Amino acid sequence: MLPFHVLLIEDACIFQYGLSWQLATWGFQHVVLASTGKEAVRAAAQQRPDLIIVSASMKGSPGGVETVRLIQQQYRTPIPVLLLQDHRPGVEPELLPPLLLNYRCLPKPPTTEELQAGVEQSIHALSLSAVY
């Protein structure tokens, strides 16, 4: 079991289920699910996440990017973020504000390999920052 706390912010149930299932199969025992930005901010206030996985296209207010910005403001050190962006052929991904810290973009939905690489890179960066 992996002791990392993951905050998964996704408003599409099918993606939320698939991503949480995949994280569980990899041994993550602390995965908190949020389907709105407000739920995510409350969850992060109760337990600082080690990793945030969020849909950039999340509907509502605050949206995905704004939710991450609000959560990162609560803590002094940046939290690694995997930002899931809708990708449709011929459509350029949305430009992100420079306010987000320590993030990686993945297509939505990510392949298992893309998700695994993103999670591993984020955890590796997290463990390096703990050393310094």
Protein backbone atom coordinates (compact mmCIF):
# COMPACT_ATOMS: atom_id res chain seq x y z
CA MET A 1 0.00 0.00 0.00
CA LEU A 2 1.19 3.48 -0.83
CA PRO A 3 0.85 6.10 1.92
CA PHE A 4 0.33 9.06 -0.40
CA HIS A 5 -2.87 11.11 -0.19
CA VAL A 6 -4.40 11.68 -3.63
CA LEU A 7 -7.19 14.17 -4.26
CA LEU A 8 -9.09 13.23 -7.42
CA ILE A 9 -11.27 16.07 -8.69
CA GLU A 10 -13.50 14.96 -11.56
CA ASP A 11 -17.13 15.77 -12.32
CA ALA A 12 -17.67 12.98 -14.84
CA CYS A 13 -18.60 9.86 -12.86
CA ILE A 14 -17.23 7.38 -15.39
CA PHE A 15 -13.79 9.03 -15.41
CA GLN A 16 -13.81 9.40 -11.63
CA TYR A 17 -14.60 5.71 -11.21
CA GLY A 18 -11.99 4.57 -13.75
CA LEU A 19 -9.21 6.75 -12.34
CA SER A 20 -9.94 5.85 -8.72
CA TRP A 21 -10.06 2.15 -9.62
CA GLN A 22 -6.70 2.39 -11.38
CA LEU A 23 -5.11 4.19 -8.43
CA ALA A 24 -6.46 1.53 -6.07
CA THR A 25 -5.00 -1.27 -8.20
CA TRP A 26 -1.61 0.44 -7.96
CA GLY A 27 -1.87 0.40 -4.17
CA PHE A 28 -2.96 3.93 -3.32
CA GLN A 29 -4.94 3.59 -0.11
CA HIS A 30 -5.82 7.26 0.46
CA VAL A 31 -7.80 8.54 -2.54
CA VAL A 32 -10.35 11.26 -1.82
CA LEU A 33 -12.96 11.88 -4.51
CA ALA A 34 -14.49 15.28 -5.22
CA SER A 35 -16.92 16.10 -8.01
CA THR A 36 -16.99 19.88 -7.47
CA GLY A 37 -14.40 22.52 -6.77
CA LYS A 38 -16.02 23.38 -3.44
CA GLU A 39 -15.86 19.73 -2.30
CA ALA A 40 -12.20 19.58 -3.31
CA VAL A 41 -11.24 22.75 -1.42
CA ARG A 42 -12.98 21.44 1.72
CA ALA A 43 -11.28 18.03 1.40
CA ALA A 44 -7.85 19.64 0.94
CA ALA A 45 -8.40 21.78 4.03
CA GLN A 46 -9.03 18.63 6.09
CA GLN A 47 -6.05 16.67 4.70
CA ARG A 48 -3.22 18.09 2.59
CA PRO A 49 -3.04 16.02 -0.57
CA ASP A 50 0.33 14.76 -1.82
CA LEU A 51 -1.00 14.71 -5.38
CA ILE A 52 -3.99 16.33 -7.09
CA ILE A 53 -5.52 14.85 -10.23
CA VAL A 54 -8.02 17.29 -11.73
CA SER A 55 -10.11 17.77 -14.84
CA ALA A 56 -9.31 21.10 -16.49
CA SER A 57 -12.77 21.12 -18.08
CA MET A 58 -14.68 20.68 -14.82
CA LYS A 59 -17.92 22.61 -14.87
CA GLY A 60 -19.10 24.95 -12.14
CA SER A 61 -17.42 27.54 -10.05
CA PRO A 62 -14.67 27.20 -9.20
CA GLY A 63 -13.52 25.22 -12.24
CA GLY A 64 -10.64 22.75 -12.24
CA VAL A 65 -7.74 25.18 -12.66
CA GLU A 66 -9.18 27.70 -10.19
CA THR A 67 -9.80 24.91 -7.66
CA VAL A 68 -6.14 23.88 -7.79
CA ARG A 69 -5.04 27.50 -7.39
CA LEU A 70 -7.26 27.85 -4.29
CA ILE A 71 -5.88 24.64 -2.79
CA GLN A 72 -2.26 25.62 -3.48
CA GLN A 73 -2.85 28.95 -1.71
CA GLN A 74 -3.63 27.02 1.50
CA TYR A 75 -0.14 25.50 1.70
CA ARG A 76 3.39 26.89 1.58
CA THR A 77 4.81 24.19 -0.65
CA PRO A 78 3.37 23.43 -4.09
CA ILE A 79 1.37 20.23 -4.46
CA PRO A 80 2.05 18.19 -7.62
CA VAL A 81 -0.89 18.34 -10.04
CA LEU A 82 -1.91 16.13 -12.95
CA LEU A 83 -4.17 18.27 -15.09
CA LEU A 84 -6.45 16.28 -17.40
CA GLN A 85 -7.25 18.22 -20.55
CA ASP A 86 -9.84 17.21 -23.11
CA HIS A 87 -8.11 16.45 -26.35
CA ARG A 88 -9.96 16.38 -29.61
CA PRO A 89 -8.18 16.05 -32.95
CA GLY A 90 -7.66 19.46 -34.51
CA VAL A 91 -8.38 21.37 -31.29
CA GLU A 92 -5.50 23.04 -29.48
CA PRO A 93 -5.40 22.56 -25.70
CA GLU A 94 -6.43 25.60 -23.68
CA LEU A 95 -3.56 27.80 -22.47
CA LEU A 96 -3.18 27.64 -18.72
CA PRO A 97 -2.59 30.56 -16.43
CA PRO A 98 0.92 30.83 -14.97
CA LEU A 99 -0.63 30.73 -11.50
CA LEU A 100 -0.52 26.93 -11.33
CA LEU A 101 2.61 25.48 -9.75
CA ASN A 102 4.18 22.08 -10.27
CA TYR A 103 1.74 20.63 -12.79
CA ARG A 104 1.80 18.20 -15.68
CA CYS A 105 -0.83 17.97 -18.40
CA LEU A 106 -2.30 14.68 -19.51
CA PRO A 107 -4.93 14.07 -22.17
CA LYS A 108 -8.41 13.21 -20.98
CA PRO A 109 -8.89 10.35 -20.81
CA PRO A 110 -5.28 9.33 -20.25
CA THR A 111 -4.06 5.88 -21.21
CA THR A 112 -2.96 3.66 -18.34
CA GLU A 113 0.65 4.26 -19.35
CA GLU A 114 0.22 8.07 -19.45
CA LEU A 115 -1.47 8.09 -16.05
CA GLN A 116 1.15 5.80 -14.53
CA ALA A 117 4.04 7.89 -15.90
CA GLY A 118 2.41 11.11 -14.64
CA VAL A 119 1.80 9.68 -11.17
CA GLU A 120 5.33 8.24 -10.94
CA GLN A 121 6.93 11.53 -12.06
CA SER A 122 4.84 13.48 -9.56
CA ILE A 123 5.71 11.14 -6.69
CA HIS A 124 9.38 11.22 -7.67
CA ALA A 125 9.32 15.05 -7.67
CA LEU A 126 7.54 14.97 -4.30
CA SER A 127 10.17 12.68 -2.77
CA LEU A 128 12.98 14.86 -4.15
CA SER A 129 11.47 18.01 -2.66
CA ALA A 130 11.26 16.28 0.72
CA VAL A 131 15.02 15.66 0.63
CA TYR A 132 15.93 19.30 -0.05
